[in-house]
Every structure is written in structure tokens, then in C-alpha cells.
Amino acid sequence: METDRGPILRTELQRELNYDGLRAAEAKGSKGGRRPAVAAAKTVTLDMPGKVADFLRATEMGDAEPAAPTTA
């Protein structure tokens, strides 16, 4: 009895393409895998809502351009 080899061929093709991409990346000097996480010492916590509000209060803003009318 003959079985459908379509799914198997697709899996093999996908694996082949994946390895081709990894080899190309390695040839360019890239390594596989995830990039390292940013160290906690290098992260900064900002009080964004307060900073944005302070900036908007201190900055004189010109008139915004009117939005183009939309047709429904």
C-alpha cells in the first residue's frame, strides 16, 4: 500500500531550507540562537507619564495640521 509522501517531503524541504539559512548566517559571522538578555544593571526605569506631561507643559506647540476629511 502506497502512502502520501507530501507531508514528509514538506517537512524535509523545510528542514533543508532551515539548515541552508543557518549555514548562510554562519558564513556571514552570525551565530544561531537568541540574543543575550540585557543585564538588569543596564536597564533604566523612567517615570514616563510624569516626564511626558512635564515636557508638554514646558514646550510651546504650534497648531497641528487638520486631518484630511474621510469619506465613509
C-alpha atoms as a PDB file:
ATOM      1  CA  MET A   1       0.000   0.000   0.000  1.00  0.00           C
ATOM      2  CA  GLU A   2       1.407   3.361  -1.045  1.00  0.00           C
ATOM      3  CA  THR A   3       1.140   6.322   1.349  1.00  0.00           C
ATOM      4  CA  ASP A   4       1.055  10.046   0.655  1.00  0.00           C
ATOM      5  CA  ARG A   5       4.625  11.366   0.963  1.00  0.00           C
ATOM      6  CA  GLY A   6       3.562  15.033   0.669  1.00  0.00           C
ATOM      7  CA  PRO A   7       3.781  15.904   4.381  1.00  0.00           C
ATOM      8  CA  ILE A   8       7.096  14.092   4.730  1.00  0.00           C
ATOM      9  CA  LEU A   9       8.577  15.885   1.717  1.00  0.00           C
ATOM     10  CA  ARG A  10       7.371  19.262   3.016  1.00  0.00           C
ATOM     11  CA  THR A  11       8.991  18.566   6.389  1.00  0.00           C
ATOM     12  CA  GLU A  12      12.250  17.543   4.759  1.00  0.00           C
ATOM     13  CA  LEU A  13      12.201  20.613   2.493  1.00  0.00           C
ATOM     14  CA  GLN A  14      11.552  22.915   5.466  1.00  0.00           C
ATOM     15  CA  ARG A  15      14.422  21.326   7.401  1.00  0.00           C
ATOM     16  CA  GLU A  16      16.720  21.705   4.400  1.00  0.00           C
ATOM     17  CA  LEU A  17      15.793  25.391   3.974  1.00  0.00           C
ATOM     18  CA  ASN A  18      16.293  25.991   7.685  1.00  0.00           C
ATOM     19  CA  TYR A  19      19.783  24.484   7.619  1.00  0.00           C
ATOM     20  CA  ASP A  20      20.613  26.470   4.472  1.00  0.00           C
ATOM     21  CA  GLY A  21      19.665  29.660   6.297  1.00  0.00           C
ATOM     22  CA  LEU A  22      21.722  28.730   9.355  1.00  0.00           C
ATOM     23  CA  ARG A  23      24.753  27.954   7.200  1.00  0.00           C
ATOM     24  CA  ALA A  24      24.377  31.274   5.348  1.00  0.00           C
ATOM     25  CA  ALA A  25      24.126  33.161   8.649  1.00  0.00           C
ATOM     26  CA  GLU A  26      27.177  31.356   9.989  1.00  0.00           C
ATOM     27  CA  ALA A  27      29.118  32.250   6.832  1.00  0.00           C
ATOM     28  CA  LYS A  28      28.271  35.922   7.472  1.00  0.00           C
ATOM     29  CA  GLY A  29      29.571  35.604  11.026  1.00  0.00           C
ATOM     30  CA  SER A  30      26.249  35.329  12.805  1.00  0.00           C
ATOM     31  CA  LYS A  31      25.606  32.699  15.426  1.00  0.00           C
ATOM     32  CA  GLY A  32      22.368  30.840  15.866  1.00  0.00           C
ATOM     33  CA  GLY A  33      20.142  31.178  18.893  1.00  0.00           C
ATOM     34  CA  ARG A  34      18.647  34.024  20.836  1.00  0.00           C
ATOM     35  CA  ARG A  35      20.452  37.216  21.574  1.00  0.00           C
ATOM     36  CA  PRO A  36      21.515  37.576  25.190  1.00  0.00           C
ATOM     37  CA  ALA A  37      19.119  39.349  27.502  1.00  0.00           C
ATOM     38  CA  VAL A  38      20.003  42.870  28.625  1.00  0.00           C
ATOM     39  CA  ALA A  39      21.631  42.819  32.052  1.00  0.00           C
ATOM     40  CA  ALA A  40      19.455  44.257  34.810  1.00  0.00           C
ATOM     41  CA  ALA A  41      22.191  46.763  35.678  1.00  0.00           C
ATOM     42  CA  LYS A  42      21.851  48.335  32.220  1.00  0.00           C
ATOM     43  CA  THR A  43      18.097  48.867  32.363  1.00  0.00           C
ATOM     44  CA  VAL A  44      16.573  52.197  33.352  1.00  0.00           C
ATOM     45  CA  THR A  45      13.164  52.792  34.877  1.00  0.00           C
ATOM     46  CA  LEU A  46      11.529  56.013  33.767  1.00  0.00           C
ATOM     47  CA  ASP A  47       8.573  57.892  35.135  1.00  0.00           C
ATOM     48  CA  MET A  48       7.228  58.320  31.635  1.00  0.00           C
ATOM     49  CA  PRO A  49       3.781  59.794  32.250  1.00  0.00           C
ATOM     50  CA  GLY A  50       5.232  62.484  34.510  1.00  0.00           C
ATOM     51  CA  LYS A  51       8.149  63.195  32.146  1.00  0.00           C
ATOM     52  CA  VAL A  52       5.876  63.460  29.115  1.00  0.00           C
ATOM     53  CA  ALA A  53       3.446  65.723  30.924  1.00  0.00           C
ATOM     54  CA  ASP A  54       6.301  67.954  32.121  1.00  0.00           C
ATOM     55  CA  PHE A  55       7.696  68.133  28.591  1.00  0.00           C
ATOM     56  CA  LEU A  56       4.318  69.035  27.106  1.00  0.00           C
ATOM     57  CA  ARG A  57       3.747  71.751  29.696  1.00  0.00           C
ATOM     58  CA  ALA A  58       7.199  73.256  29.079  1.00  0.00           C
ATOM     59  CA  THR A  59       7.074  73.114  25.275  1.00  0.00           C
ATOM     60  CA  GLU A  60       5.129  75.525  23.150  1.00  0.00           C
ATOM     61  CA  MET A  61       3.435  73.531  20.484  1.00  0.00           C
ATOM     62  CA  GLY A  62       2.261  75.039  17.215  1.00  0.00           C
ATOM     63  CA  ASP A  63      -1.102  74.344  15.701  1.00  0.00           C
ATOM     64  CA  ALA A  64      -1.412  70.870  14.295  1.00  0.00           C
ATOM     65  CA  GLU A  65      -2.380  70.364  10.676  1.00  0.00           C
ATOM     66  CA  PRO A  66      -6.042  69.492  10.307  1.00  0.00           C
ATOM     67  CA  ALA A  67      -6.679  65.884   9.431  1.00  0.00           C
ATOM     68  CA  ALA A  68      -7.773  65.131   5.894  1.00  0.00           C
ATOM     69  CA  PRO A  69     -11.518  64.607   5.680  1.00  0.00           C
ATOM     70  CA  THR A  70     -12.531  61.000   5.373  1.00  0.00           C
ATOM     71  CA  THR A  71     -15.359  59.708   3.272  1.00  0.00           C
ATOM     72  CA  ALA A  72     -17.422  56.860   4.540  1.00  0.00           C
END
